[in-house]
Amino acid sequence: MSQPRVFEIQIPLRQEYKAEPKAALVIDRALALGNDPDDPFHSIVMPMPQCGVAVPVGVHRAVGGLHDAPTPGDILCAALAACQDSSVRMVANILGITLEFLEVEVTGDVDVRGTLAMNAEVPVGFRAIRCAVRLKAREGTDPRLLEKLRIASERSCVVQQTLLHPPRVETTFDMTGGGIDAAGCLQVASGRNAEASVARSR
């Protein structure tokens, strides 16, 4: 069965976004909501809420967790792996490259002393992330096309580019258990060159 042509599918979308750039802005979502809020080691995250997919979330044994489910760090690695995999597949389709094998593996290094607040000089977060793409194209594929595939698939990988050029991240805490305007709302802004701020509604 022939595969759909990505370029042809994207033609009307590109035309729409050229005519109305605001239409190109999309919002992705995820919701974490565990069964027991008092359980320190387990939760559930739903990528694209209401899609019917729920992923169990655990805590790494390096910080005292049971490590009986994917950790948030694993899920971050999975997001990069999935995005890079999708980018390679779509770009290969556009370039007319037939892939016979594709595997993307992402690994990351974290010094947990940062998140355990043991040493102020140890940053919280990943120290390094590696993304290994292993693929095989149909025999006879022009090496120049494969180089175009490599460059374009990295360039168009949203998650990889986000990690390389992080946006400002804003986190809000509603301490009442519901409602966005209730007293006690704590807002913390973080990110590259961003200052932390606290805002309480009155």
Foldseek 3Di string as FASTA:
>chain_A
DDDDQLVVVCVVVVVVCVVPVVVPDDDWDKDKAAPDPVDPFWIWMGGRPPPPDIAIEGDDVVVPTPPPGHHPVNVLQVLQQVLLQVLLVNLCSNLVWAWPDKGKGKDFDADCCQVVVVDPVGHGDTPDMDIDIDTDTDPPPDVVSVVVSVVRSCVPRPSNVCVVPPDKDKDKDDPPPDDDQDFPIFIFIDDVVDDTDTDTHD
